Amino acid sequence: QVQLVESGGGLVQAGGSLRLSCAASGRTFSIYRMDWFRQAPGKEREFVASINWSGASTRYANSVKGRFSISRDNAKNTVYLQMNSLKPEDTAVYYCKAGTSSSNYWGQGTQVTVSS
């Protein structure tokens, strides 16, 4: 199976930047896509960004387009989420997800809090 460990969450003021990392281990050769999701208090978990492992094609939610950037380092089996121009509404628990042909794997989540 695949294990995911996130890091980089924390407190930041509005307009600031933060970079999240998600390191994958285990059967990483089977990963074809990695994603970021987030869930704010009292709200449903929502898609943020995704990246294909081989072709590096990306997709973003409209709410973060132009502000967030997803990237990956195949050698390190790590996906990153660079978050710029952060807004208070970006406050949420951020989760990374790895997709294989048979299963989806989730990280434990990391808290991002943006103060006004």
PDB file of N, CA and C in Angstrom:
ATOM      1  N   GLN A   1       0.818  -1.172   0.000  1.00  0.00           N
ATOM      2  CA  GLN A   1       0.000   0.000   0.000  1.00  0.00           C
ATOM      3  C   GLN A   1       0.874   1.252   0.000  1.00  0.00           C
ATOM      4  N   VAL A   2       0.215   2.405   0.034  1.00  0.00           N
ATOM      5  CA  VAL A   2       0.894   3.690   0.000  1.00  0.00           C
ATOM      6  C   VAL A   2       0.621   4.440   1.294  1.00  0.00           C
ATOM      7  N   GLN A   3       1.669   5.035   1.852  1.00  0.00           N
ATOM      8  CA  GLN A   3       1.527   5.888   3.024  1.00  0.00           C
ATOM      9  C   GLN A   3       1.875   7.320   2.638  1.00  0.00           C
ATOM     10  N   LEU A   4       1.122   8.276   3.170  1.00  0.00           N
ATOM     11  CA  LEU A   4       1.313   9.680   2.852  1.00  0.00           C
ATOM     12  C   LEU A   4       1.512  10.473   4.137  1.00  0.00           C
ATOM     13  N   VAL A   5       2.526  11.330   4.152  1.00  0.00           N
ATOM     14  CA  VAL A   5       2.807  12.175   5.302  1.00  0.00           C
ATOM     15  C   VAL A   5       2.902  13.623   4.841  1.00  0.00           C
ATOM     16  N   GLU A   6       2.037  14.463   5.388  1.00  0.00           N
ATOM     17  CA  GLU A   6       1.996  15.875   5.024  1.00  0.00           C
ATOM     18  C   GLU A   6       2.776  16.720   6.010  1.00  0.00           C
ATOM     19  N   SER A   7       3.258  17.858   5.538  1.00  0.00           N
ATOM     20  CA  SER A   7       3.951  18.816   6.381  1.00  0.00           C
ATOM     21  C   SER A   7       3.809  20.207   5.771  1.00  0.00           C
ATOM     22  N   GLY A   8       4.116  21.225   6.557  1.00  0.00           N
ATOM     23  CA  GLY A   8       4.116  22.587   6.063  1.00  0.00           C
ATOM     24  C   GLY A   8       2.940  23.433   6.489  1.00  0.00           C
ATOM     25  N   GLY A   9       1.956  22.838   7.143  1.00  0.00           N
ATOM     26  CA  GLY A   9       0.815  23.604   7.599  1.00  0.00           C
ATOM     27  C   GLY A   9       1.188  24.516   8.753  1.00  0.00           C
ATOM     28  N   GLY A  10       0.320  25.479   9.033  1.00  0.00           N
ATOM     29  CA  GLY A  10       0.573  26.404  10.118  1.00  0.00           C
ATOM     30  C   GLY A  10      -0.282  27.642  10.020  1.00  0.00           C
ATOM     31  N   LEU A  11       0.126  28.670  10.751  1.00  0.00           N
ATOM     32  CA  LEU A  11      -0.581  29.942  10.768  1.00  0.00           C
ATOM     33  C   LEU A  11       0.136  30.952   9.882  1.00  0.00           C
ATOM     34  N   VAL A  12      -0.636  31.691   9.098  1.00  0.00           N
ATOM     35  CA  VAL A  12      -0.081  32.711   8.228  1.00  0.00           C
ATOM     36  C   VAL A  12      -1.095  33.846   8.096  1.00  0.00           C
ATOM     37  N   GLN A  13      -0.613  35.066   7.923  1.00  0.00           N
ATOM     38  CA  GLN A  13      -1.520  36.187   7.766  1.00  0.00           C
ATOM     39  C   GLN A  13      -2.006  36.300   6.325  1.00  0.00           C
ATOM     40  N   ALA A  14      -3.148  36.936   6.158  1.00  0.00           N
ATOM     41  CA  ALA A  14      -3.722  37.117   4.829  1.00  0.00           C
ATOM     42  C   ALA A  14      -2.733  37.798   3.897  1.00  0.00           C
ATOM     43  N   GLY A  15      -2.675  37.290   2.665  1.00  0.00           N
ATOM     44  CA  GLY A  15      -1.737  37.804   1.685  1.00  0.00           C
ATOM     45  C   GLY A  15      -0.408  37.092   1.684  1.00  0.00           C
ATOM     46  N   GLY A  16      -0.176  36.271   2.680  1.00  0.00           N
ATOM     47  CA  GLY A  16       1.073  35.552   2.783  1.00  0.00           C
ATOM     48  C   GLY A  16       1.087  34.280   1.964  1.00  0.00           C
ATOM     49  N   SER A  17       2.174  33.539   2.099  1.00  0.00           N
ATOM     50  CA  SER A  17       2.370  32.313   1.337  1.00  0.00           C
ATOM     51  C   SER A  17       2.736  31.165   2.259  1.00  0.00           C
ATOM     52  N   LEU A  18       2.461  29.972   1.777  1.00  0.00           N
ATOM     53  CA  LEU A  18       2.763  28.760   2.512  1.00  0.00           C
ATOM     54  C   LEU A  18       2.947  27.634   1.504  1.00  0.00           C
ATOM     55  N   ARG A  19       3.858  26.720   1.786  1.00  0.00           N
ATOM     56  CA  ARG A  19       4.045  25.565   0.918  1.00  0.00           C
ATOM     57  C   ARG A  19       3.836  24.281   1.696  1.00  0.00           C
ATOM     58  N   LEU A  20       2.919  23.464   1.208  1.00  0.00           N
ATOM     59  CA  LEU A  20       2.650  22.169   1.798  1.00  0.00           C
ATOM     60  C   LEU A  20       3.403  21.085   1.041  1.00  0.00           C
ATOM     61  N   SER A  21       3.831  20.061   1.766  1.00  0.00           N
ATOM     62  CA  SER A  21       4.501  18.919   1.166  1.00  0.00           C
ATOM     63  C   SER A  21       3.783  17.645   1.565  1.00  0.00           C
ATOM     64  N   CYS A  22       3.793  16.672   0.676  1.00  0.00           N
ATOM     65  CA  CYS A  22       3.223  15.367   0.964  1.00  0.00           C
ATOM     66  C   CYS A  22       4.163  14.311   0.414  1.00  0.00           C
ATOM     67  N   ALA A  23       4.802  13.578   1.301  1.00  0.00           N
ATOM     68  CA  ALA A  23       5.752  12.546   0.912  1.00  0.00           C
ATOM     69  C   ALA A  23       5.082  11.181   0.921  1.00  0.00           C
ATOM     70  N   ALA A  24       5.235  10.452  -0.168  1.00  0.00           N
ATOM     71  CA  ALA A  24       4.649   9.124  -0.301  1.00  0.00           C
ATOM     72  C   ALA A  24       5.702   8.045  -0.103  1.00  0.00           C
ATOM     73  N   SER A  25       5.299   6.959   0.507  1.00  0.00           N
ATOM     74  CA  SER A  25       6.178   5.816   0.686  1.00  0.00           C
ATOM     75  C   SER A  25       5.380   4.531   0.469  1.00  0.00           C
ATOM     76  N   GLY A  26       6.076   3.414   0.416  1.00  0.00           N
ATOM     77  CA  GLY A  26       5.419   2.151   0.148  1.00  0.00           C
ATOM     78  C   GLY A  26       5.464   1.822  -1.336  1.00  0.00           C
ATOM     79  N   ARG A  27       4.329   1.409  -1.875  1.00  0.00           N
ATOM     80  CA  ARG A  27       4.245   1.013  -3.282  1.00  0.00           C
ATOM     81  C   ARG A  27       4.022   2.242  -4.172  1.00  0.00           C
ATOM     82  N   THR A  28       4.990   3.148  -4.135  1.00  0.00           N
ATOM     83  CA  THR A  28       4.850   4.415  -4.853  1.00  0.00           C
ATOM     84  C   THR A  28       4.916   4.257  -6.366  1.00  0.00           C
ATOM     85  N   PHE A  29       5.447   3.140  -6.845  1.00  0.00           N
ATOM     86  CA  PHE A  29       5.541   2.925  -8.285  1.00  0.00           C
ATOM     87  C   PHE A  29       4.177   2.825  -8.945  1.00  0.00           C
ATOM     88  N   SER A  30       3.162   2.548  -8.152  1.00  0.00           N
ATOM     89  CA  SER A  30       1.818   2.369  -8.684  1.00  0.00           C
ATOM     90  C   SER A  30       1.009   3.662  -8.744  1.00  0.00           C
ATOM     91  N   ILE A  31       1.539   4.758  -8.230  1.00  0.00           N
ATOM     92  CA  ILE A  31       0.818   6.029  -8.207  1.00  0.00           C
ATOM     93  C   ILE A  31       0.785   6.648  -9.602  1.00  0.00           C
ATOM     94  N   TYR A  32      -0.411   7.017 -10.049  1.00  0.00           N
ATOM     95  CA  TYR A  32      -0.529   7.682 -11.340  1.00  0.00           C
ATOM     96  C   TYR A  32      -0.996   9.127 -11.215  1.00  0.00           C
ATOM     97  N   ARG A  33      -1.564   9.494 -10.067  1.00  0.00           N
ATOM     98  CA  ARG A  33      -2.037  10.854  -9.855  1.00  0.00           C
ATOM     99  C   ARG A  33      -2.045  11.182  -8.367  1.00  0.00           C
ATOM    100  N   MET A  34      -1.723  12.420  -8.032  1.00  0.00           N
ATOM    101  CA  MET A  34      -1.829  12.884  -6.659  1.00  0.00           C
ATOM    102  C   MET A  34      -2.644  14.163  -6.626  1.00  0.00           C
ATOM    103  N   ASP A  35      -3.385  14.324  -5.538  1.00  0.00           N
ATOM    104  CA  ASP A  35      -4.331  15.429  -5.413  1.00  0.00           C
ATOM    105  C   ASP A  35      -4.215  16.088  -4.049  1.00  0.00           C
ATOM    106  N   TRP A  36      -4.696  17.325  -3.986  1.00  0.00           N
ATOM    107  CA  TRP A  36      -4.899  18.022  -2.726  1.00  0.00           C
ATOM    108  C   TRP A  36      -6.375  18.328  -2.568  1.00  0.00           C
ATOM    109  N   PHE A  37      -6.897  18.051  -1.383  1.00  0.00           N
ATOM    110  CA  PHE A  37      -8.247  18.412  -0.988  1.00  0.00           C
ATOM    111  C   PHE A  37      -8.171  19.246   0.285  1.00  0.00           C
ATOM    112  N   ARG A  38      -9.261  19.916   0.617  1.00  0.00           N
ATOM    113  CA  ARG A  38      -9.310  20.647   1.874  1.00  0.00           C
ATOM    114  C   ARG A  38     -10.724  20.594   2.450  1.00  0.00           C
ATOM    115  N   GLN A  39     -10.806  20.743   3.760  1.00  0.00           N
ATOM    116  CA  GLN A  39     -12.092  20.723   4.435  1.00  0.00           C
ATOM    117  C   GLN A  39     -12.097  21.766   5.542  1.00  0.00           C
ATOM    118  N   ALA A  40     -12.973  22.748   5.404  1.00  0.00           N
ATOM    119  CA  ALA A  40     -13.140  23.786   6.407  1.00  0.00           C
ATOM    120  C   ALA A  40     -14.177  23.332   7.426  1.00  0.00           C
ATOM    121  N   PRO A  41     -14.146  23.896   8.632  1.00  0.00           N
ATOM    122  CA  PRO A  41     -15.123  23.511   9.656  1.00  0.00           C
ATOM    123  C   PRO A  41     -16.557  23.678   9.181  1.00  0.00           C
ATOM    124  N   GLY A  42     -17.354  22.632   9.335  1.00  0.00           N
ATOM    125  CA  GLY A  42     -18.753  22.685   8.956  1.00  0.00           C
ATOM    126  C   GLY A  42     -19.021  22.580   7.473  1.00  0.00           C
ATOM    127  N   LYS A  43     -17.997  22.343   6.676  1.00  0.00           N
ATOM    128  CA  LYS A  43     -18.166  22.252   5.235  1.00  0.00           C
ATOM    129  C   LYS A  43     -17.693  20.904   4.705  1.00  0.00           C
ATOM    130  N   GLU A  44     -18.125  20.579   3.494  1.00  0.00           N
ATOM    131  CA  GLU A  44     -17.716  19.339   2.854  1.00  0.00           C
ATOM    132  C   GLU A  44     -16.289  19.440   2.344  1.00  0.00           C
ATOM    133  N   ARG A  45     -15.633  18.307   2.261  1.00  0.00           N
ATOM    134  CA  ARG A  45     -14.301  18.268   1.690  1.00  0.00           C
ATOM    135  C   ARG A  45     -14.373  18.621   0.208  1.00  0.00           C
ATOM    136  N   GLU A  46     -13.473  19.488  -0.241  1.00  0.00           N
ATOM    137  CA  GLU A  46     -13.510  19.939  -1.615  1.00  0.00           C
ATOM    138  C   GLU A  46     -12.169  19.748  -2.303  1.00  0.00           C
ATOM    139  N   PHE A  47     -12.236  19.541  -3.595  1.00  0.00           N
ATOM    140  CA  PHE A  47     -11.054  19.386  -4.423  1.00  0.00           C
ATOM    141  C   PHE A  47     -10.305  20.702  -4.540  1.00  0.00           C
ATOM    142  N   VAL A  48      -8.978  20.643  -4.499  1.00  0.00           N
ATOM    143  CA  VAL A  48      -8.141  21.825  -4.630  1.00  0.00           C
ATOM    144  C   VAL A  48      -7.301  21.776  -5.900  1.00  0.00           C
ATOM    145  N   ALA A  49      -6.517  20.706  -6.062  1.00  0.00           N
ATOM    146  CA  ALA A  49      -5.614  20.608  -7.203  1.00  0.00           C
ATOM    147  C   ALA A  49      -5.195  19.165  -7.411  1.00  0.00           C
ATOM    148  N   SER A  50      -4.784  18.837  -8.623  1.00  0.00           N
ATOM    149  CA  SER A  50      -4.290  17.502  -8.932  1.00  0.00           C
ATOM    150  C   SER A  50      -3.157  17.588  -9.934  1.00  0.00           C
ATOM    151  N   ILE A  51      -2.335  16.552  -9.953  1.00  0.00           N
ATOM    152  CA  ILE A  51      -1.240  16.469 -10.902  1.00  0.00           C
ATOM    153  C   ILE A  51      -1.016  15.014 -11.285  1.00  0.00           C
ATOM    154  N   ASN A  52      -0.854  14.768 -12.585  1.00  0.00           N
ATOM    155  CA  ASN A  52      -0.508  13.429 -13.047  1.00  0.00           C
ATOM    156  C   ASN A  52       0.969  13.177 -12.819  1.00  0.00           C
ATOM    157  N   TRP A  53       1.303  11.937 -12.494  1.00  0.00           N
ATOM    158  CA  TRP A  53       2.673  11.633 -12.103  1.00  0.00           C
ATOM    159  C   TRP A  53       3.657  11.647 -13.257  1.00  0.00           C
ATOM    160  N   SER A  54       3.229  11.193 -14.422  1.00  0.00           N
ATOM    161  CA  SER A  54       4.133  11.094 -15.559  1.00  0.00           C
ATOM    162  C   SER A  54       4.125  12.329 -16.452  1.00  0.00           C
ATOM    163  N   GLY A  55       2.950  12.757 -16.864  1.00  0.00           N
ATOM    164  CA  GLY A  55       2.850  13.874 -17.784  1.00  0.00           C
ATOM    165  C   GLY A  55       2.856  15.246 -17.137  1.00  0.00           C
ATOM    166  N   ALA A  56       2.684  15.295 -15.821  1.00  0.00           N
ATOM    167  CA  ALA A  56       2.693  16.537 -15.045  1.00  0.00           C
ATOM    168  C   ALA A  56       1.557  17.486 -15.414  1.00  0.00           C
ATOM    169  N   SER A  57       0.509  16.969 -16.020  1.00  0.00           N
ATOM    170  CA  SER A  57      -0.654  17.803 -16.281  1.00  0.00           C
ATOM    171  C   SER A  57      -1.340  18.130 -14.965  1.00  0.00           C
ATOM    172  N   THR A  58      -1.865  19.341 -14.861  1.00  0.00           N
ATOM    173  CA  THR A  58      -2.446  19.810 -13.606  1.00  0.00           C
ATOM    174  C   THR A  58      -3.878  20.281 -13.793  1.00  0.00           C
ATOM    175  N   ARG A  59      -4.606  20.318 -12.685  1.00  0.00           N
ATOM    176  CA  ARG A  59      -5.972  20.814 -12.671  1.00  0.00           C
ATOM    177  C   ARG A  59      -6.209  21.503 -11.339  1.00  0.00           C
ATOM    178  N   TYR A  60      -6.966  22.619 -11.360  1.00  0.00           N
ATOM    179  CA  TYR A  60      -7.201  23.400 -10.161  1.00  0.00           C
ATOM    180  C   TYR A  60      -8.669  23.726  -9.986  1.00  0.00           C
ATOM    181  N   ALA A  61      -9.078  23.845  -8.737  1.00  0.00           N
ATOM    182  CA  ALA A  61     -10.392  24.381  -8.434  1.00  0.00           C
ATOM    183  C   ALA A  61     -10.406  25.870  -8.777  1.00  0.00           C
ATOM    184  N   ASN A  62     -11.552  26.355  -9.212  1.00  0.00           N
ATOM    185  CA  ASN A  62     -11.658  27.764  -9.583  1.00  0.00           C
ATOM    186  C   ASN A  62     -11.304  28.700  -8.423  1.00  0.00           C
ATOM    187  N   SER A  63     -11.580  28.283  -7.209  1.00  0.00           N
ATOM    188  CA  SER A  63     -11.354  29.127  -6.051  1.00  0.00           C
ATOM    189  C   SER A  63      -9.876  29.396  -5.772  1.00  0.00           C
ATOM    190  N   VAL A  64      -8.992  28.549  -6.293  1.00  0.00           N
ATOM    191  CA  VAL A  64      -7.565  28.714  -6.029  1.00  0.00           C
ATOM    192  C   VAL A  64      -6.763  28.972  -7.292  1.00  0.00           C
ATOM    193  N   LYS A  65      -7.407  28.933  -8.443  1.00  0.00           N
ATOM    194  CA  LYS A  65      -6.713  29.117  -9.712  1.00  0.00           C
ATOM    195  C   LYS A  65      -6.017  30.474  -9.750  1.00  0.00           C
ATOM    196  N   GLY A  66      -4.745  30.468 -10.117  1.00  0.00           N
ATOM    197  CA  GLY A  66      -3.956  31.686 -10.170  1.00  0.00           C
ATOM    198  C   GLY A  66      -3.236  32.005  -8.881  1.00  0.00           C
ATOM    199  N   ARG A  67      -3.606  31.351  -7.791  1.00  0.00           N
ATOM    200  CA  ARG A  67      -2.972  31.589  -6.497  1.00  0.00           C
ATOM    201  C   ARG A  67      -2.180  30.383  -6.000  1.00  0.00           C
ATOM    202  N   PHE A  68      -2.690  29.193  -6.271  1.00  0.00           N
ATOM    203  CA  PHE A  68      -2.043  27.960  -5.835  1.00  0.00           C
ATOM    204  C   PHE A  68      -1.361  27.285  -7.014  1.00  0.00           C
ATOM    205  N   SER A  69      -0.315  26.540  -6.723  1.00  0.00           N
ATOM    206  CA  SER A  69       0.397  25.791  -7.748  1.00  0.00           C
ATOM    207  C   SER A  69       0.809  24.429  -7.203  1.00  0.00           C
ATOM    208  N   ILE A  70       0.451  23.373  -7.920  1.00  0.00           N
ATOM    209  CA  ILE A  70       0.814  22.024  -7.520  1.00  0.00           C
ATOM    210  C   ILE A  70       1.995  21.550  -8.361  1.00  0.00           C
ATOM    211  N   SER A  71       2.908  20.843  -7.745  1.00  0.00           N
ATOM    212  CA  SER A  71       4.065  20.309  -8.443  1.00  0.00           C
ATOM    213  C   SER A  71       4.476  19.001  -7.790  1.00  0.00           C
ATOM    214  N   ARG A  72       5.367  18.283  -8.458  1.00  0.00           N
ATOM    215  CA  ARG A  72       5.810  17.012  -7.886  1.00  0.00           C
ATOM    216  C   ARG A  72       7.283  16.768  -8.176  1.00  0.00           C
ATOM    217  N   ASP A  73       7.901  15.987  -7.312  1.00  0.00           N
ATOM    218  CA  ASP A  73       9.269  15.542  -7.474  1.00  0.00           C
ATOM    219  C   ASP A  73       9.221  14.021  -7.468  1.00  0.00           C
ATOM    220  N   ASN A  74       9.266  13.418  -8.651  1.00  0.00           N
ATOM    221  CA  ASN A  74       9.134  11.972  -8.759  1.00  0.00           C
ATOM    222  C   ASN A  74      10.239  11.230  -8.006  1.00  0.00           C
ATOM    223  N   ALA A  75      11.460  11.771  -8.042  1.00  0.00           N
ATOM    224  CA  ALA A  75      12.580  11.125  -7.369  1.00  0.00           C
ATOM    225  C   ALA A  75      12.366  11.057  -5.864  1.00  0.00           C
ATOM    226  N   LYS A  76      11.716  12.071  -5.311  1.00  0.00           N
ATOM    227  CA  LYS A  76      11.453  12.115  -3.876  1.00  0.00           C
ATOM    228  C   LYS A  76      10.071  11.598  -3.511  1.00  0.00           C
ATOM    229  N   ASN A  77       9.290  11.203  -4.521  1.00  0.00           N
ATOM    230  CA  ASN A  77       7.921  10.737  -4.306  1.00  0.00           C
ATOM    231  C   ASN A  77       7.119  11.739  -3.473  1.00  0.00           C
ATOM    232  N   THR A  78       7.254  12.999  -3.829  1.00  0.00           N
ATOM    233  CA  THR A  78       6.658  14.075  -3.061  1.00  0.00           C
ATOM    234  C   THR A  78       5.871  15.015  -3.959  1.00  0.00           C
ATOM    235  N   VAL A  79       4.716  15.435  -3.478  1.00  0.00           N
ATOM    236  CA  VAL A  79       3.914  16.439  -4.158  1.00  0.00           C
ATOM    237  C   VAL A  79       3.866  17.683  -3.282  1.00  0.00           C
ATOM    238  N   TYR A  80       3.854  18.858  -3.915  1.00  0.00           N
ATOM    239  CA  TYR A  80       3.860  20.119  -3.205  1.00  0.00           C
ATOM    240  C   TYR A  80       2.636  20.940  -3.591  1.00  0.00           C
ATOM    241  N   LEU A  81       2.216  21.790  -2.675  1.00  0.00           N
ATOM    242  CA  LEU A  81       1.179  22.767  -2.959  1.00  0.00           C
ATOM    243  C   LEU A  81       1.685  24.123  -2.501  1.00  0.00           C
ATOM    244  N   GLN A  82       2.070  24.962  -3.459  1.00  0.00           N
ATOM    245  CA  GLN A  82       2.500  26.316  -3.167  1.00  0.00           C
ATOM    246  C   GLN A  82       1.276  27.209  -3.117  1.00  0.00           C
ATOM    247  N   MET A  83       1.034  27.842  -1.983  1.00  0.00           N
ATOM    248  CA  MET A  83      -0.147  28.663  -1.784  1.00  0.00           C
ATOM    249  C   MET A  83       0.276  30.116  -1.604  1.00  0.00           C
ATOM    250  N   ASN A  84      -0.134  30.964  -2.517  1.00  0.00           N
ATOM    251  CA  ASN A  84       0.182  32.382  -2.477  1.00  0.00           C
ATOM    252  C   ASN A  84      -1.095  33.201  -2.326  1.00  0.00           C
ATOM    253  N   SER A  85      -0.930  34.457  -1.933  1.00  0.00           N
ATOM    254  CA  SER A  85      -2.062  35.368  -1.762  1.00  0.00           C
ATOM    255  C   SER A  85      -3.171  34.729  -0.941  1.00  0.00           C
ATOM    256  N   LEU A  86      -2.797  34.159   0.172  1.00  0.00           N
ATOM    257  CA  LEU A  86      -3.744  33.421   0.992  1.00  0.00           C
ATOM    258  C   LEU A  86      -4.830  34.330   1.568  1.00  0.00           C
ATOM    259  N   LYS A  87      -6.026  33.771   1.639  1.00  0.00           N
ATOM    260  CA  LYS A  87      -7.190  34.465   2.159  1.00  0.00           C
ATOM    261  C   LYS A  87      -7.722  33.720   3.379  1.00  0.00           C
ATOM    262  N   PRO A  88      -8.441  34.412   4.268  1.00  0.00           N
ATOM    263  CA  PRO A  88      -9.023  33.718   5.422  1.00  0.00           C
ATOM    264  C   PRO A  88      -9.895  32.533   5.019  1.00  0.00           C
ATOM    265  N   GLU A  89     -10.571  32.611   3.885  1.00  0.00           N
ATOM    266  CA  GLU A  89     -11.408  31.511   3.438  1.00  0.00           C
ATOM    267  C   GLU A  89     -10.620  30.287   2.988  1.00  0.00           C
ATOM    268  N   ASP A  90      -9.299  30.403   2.903  1.00  0.00           N
ATOM    269  CA  ASP A  90      -8.456  29.250   2.617  1.00  0.00           C
ATOM    270  C   ASP A  90      -8.207  28.410   3.857  1.00  0.00           C
ATOM    271  N   THR A  91      -8.611  28.910   5.012  1.00  0.00           N
ATOM    272  CA  THR A  91      -8.433  28.181   6.259  1.00  0.00           C
ATOM    273  C   THR A  91      -9.163  26.846   6.198  1.00  0.00           C
ATOM    274  N   ALA A  92      -8.433  25.768   6.425  1.00  0.00           N
ATOM    275  CA  ALA A  92      -9.002  24.428   6.334  1.00  0.00           C
ATOM    276  C   ALA A  92      -7.947  23.410   6.717  1.00  0.00           C
ATOM    277  N   VAL A  93      -8.381  22.173   6.873  1.00  0.00           N
ATOM    278  CA  VAL A  93      -7.455  21.056   6.954  1.00  0.00           C
ATOM    279  C   VAL A  93      -7.196  20.586   5.532  1.00  0.00           C
ATOM    280  N   TYR A  94      -5.942  20.524   5.149  1.00  0.00           N
ATOM    281  CA  TYR A  94      -5.569  20.130   3.800  1.00  0.00           C
ATOM    282  C   TYR A  94      -5.092  18.684   3.791  1.00  0.00           C
ATOM    283  N   TYR A  95      -5.622  17.907   2.853  1.00  0.00           N
ATOM    284  CA  TYR A  95      -5.311  16.492   2.721  1.00  0.00           C
ATOM    285  C   TYR A  95      -4.705  16.206   1.357  1.00  0.00           C
ATOM    286  N   CYS A  96      -3.699  15.347   1.316  1.00  0.00           N
ATOM    287  CA  CYS A  96      -3.209  14.875   0.035  1.00  0.00           C
ATOM    288  C   CYS A  96      -3.746  13.477  -0.221  1.00  0.00           C
ATOM    289  N   LYS A  97      -3.876  13.141  -1.484  1.00  0.00           N
ATOM    290  CA  LYS A  97      -4.411  11.848  -1.895  1.00  0.00           C
ATOM    291  C   LYS A  97      -3.581  11.290  -3.035  1.00  0.00           C
ATOM    292  N   ALA A  98      -3.286  10.017  -2.964  1.00  0.00           N
ATOM    293  CA  ALA A  98      -2.585   9.313  -4.030  1.00  0.00           C
ATOM    294  C   ALA A  98      -3.522   8.306  -4.666  1.00  0.00           C
ATOM    295  N   GLY A  99      -3.583   8.319  -5.981  1.00  0.00           N
ATOM    296  CA  GLY A  99      -4.441   7.394  -6.695  1.00  0.00           C
ATOM    297  C   GLY A  99      -3.637   6.347  -7.434  1.00  0.00           C
ATOM    298  N   THR A 100      -4.021   5.090  -7.285  1.00  0.00           N
ATOM    299  CA  THR A 100      -3.461   3.979  -8.031  1.00  0.00           C
ATOM    300  C   THR A 100      -4.576   3.352  -8.852  1.00  0.00           C
ATOM    301  N   SER A 101      -4.242   2.316  -9.602  1.00  0.00           N
ATOM    302  CA  SER A 101      -5.244   1.656 -10.422  1.00  0.00           C
ATOM    303  C   SER A 101      -6.297   0.938  -9.590  1.00  0.00           C
ATOM    304  N   SER A 102      -5.992   0.662  -8.334  1.00  0.00           N
ATOM    305  CA  SER A 102      -6.899  -0.119  -7.504  1.00  0.00           C
ATOM    306  C   SER A 102      -7.419   0.604  -6.265  1.00  0.00           C
ATOM    307  N   SER A 103      -6.695   1.630  -5.782  1.00  0.00           N
ATOM    308  CA  SER A 103      -7.072   2.255  -4.518  1.00  0.00           C
ATOM    309  C   SER A 103      -6.716   3.728  -4.478  1.00  0.00           C
ATOM    310  N   ASN A 104      -7.360   4.430  -3.562  1.00  0.00           N
ATOM    311  CA  ASN A 104      -7.000   5.792  -3.214  1.00  0.00           C
ATOM    312  C   ASN A 104      -6.464   5.807  -1.789  1.00  0.00           C
ATOM    313  N   TYR A 105      -5.409   6.584  -1.560  1.00  0.00           N
ATOM    314  CA  TYR A 105      -4.799   6.673  -0.246  1.00  0.00           C
ATOM    315  C   TYR A 105      -4.780   8.126   0.202  1.00  0.00           C
ATOM    316  N   TRP A 106      -5.070   8.343   1.475  1.00  0.00           N
ATOM    317  CA  TRP A 106      -5.187   9.683   2.033  1.00  0.00           C
ATOM    318  C   TRP A 106      -4.146   9.932   3.105  1.00  0.00           C
ATOM    319  N   GLY A 107      -3.656  11.170   3.158  1.00  0.00           N
ATOM    320  CA  GLY A 107      -2.799  11.589   4.245  1.00  0.00           C
ATOM    321  C   GLY A 107      -3.622  11.920   5.474  1.00  0.00           C
ATOM    322  N   GLN A 108      -2.951  12.262   6.556  1.00  0.00           N
ATOM    323  CA  GLN A 108      -3.629  12.528   7.821  1.00  0.00           C
ATOM    324  C   GLN A 108      -4.217  13.933   7.890  1.00  0.00           C
ATOM    325  N   GLY A 109      -3.798  14.800   7.010  1.00  0.00           N
ATOM    326  CA  GLY A 109      -4.267  16.172   6.992  1.00  0.00           C
ATOM    327  C   GLY A 109      -3.356  17.104   7.766  1.00  0.00           C
ATOM    328  N   THR A 110      -3.254  18.334   7.305  1.00  0.00           N
ATOM    329  CA  THR A 110      -2.470  19.355   7.998  1.00  0.00           C
ATOM    330  C   THR A 110      -3.272  20.652   8.033  1.00  0.00           C
ATOM    331  N   GLN A 111      -3.277  21.298   9.186  1.00  0.00           N
ATOM    332  CA  GLN A 111      -4.089  22.495   9.389  1.00  0.00           C
ATOM    333  C   GLN A 111      -3.418  23.726   8.801  1.00  0.00           C
ATOM    334  N   VAL A 112      -4.182  24.473   8.021  1.00  0.00           N
ATOM    335  CA  VAL A 112      -3.752  25.770   7.510  1.00  0.00           C
ATOM    336  C   VAL A 112      -4.725  26.822   8.023  1.00  0.00           C
ATOM    337  N   THR A 113      -4.208  27.805   8.737  1.00  0.00           N
ATOM    338  CA  THR A 113      -5.035  28.870   9.282  1.00  0.00           C
ATOM    339  C   THR A 113      -4.523  30.210   8.772  1.00  0.00           C
ATOM    340  N   VAL A 114      -5.405  30.970   8.142  1.00  0.00           N
ATOM    341  CA  VAL A 114      -5.053  32.272   7.584  1.00  0.00           C
ATOM    342  C   VAL A 114      -5.777  33.344   8.382  1.00  0.00           C
ATOM    343  N   SER A 115      -5.030  34.222   9.013  1.00  0.00           N
ATOM    344  CA  SER A 115      -5.603  35.288   9.816  1.00  0.00           C
ATOM    345  C   SER A 115      -5.827  36.535   8.974  1.00  0.00           C
ATOM    346  N   SER A 116      -6.828  37.320   9.344  1.00  0.00           N
ATOM    347  CA  SER A 116      -7.145  38.537   8.616  1.00  0.00           C
ATOM    348  C   SER A 116      -6.314  39.705   9.092  1.00  0.00           C
TER     349      SER A 116
END
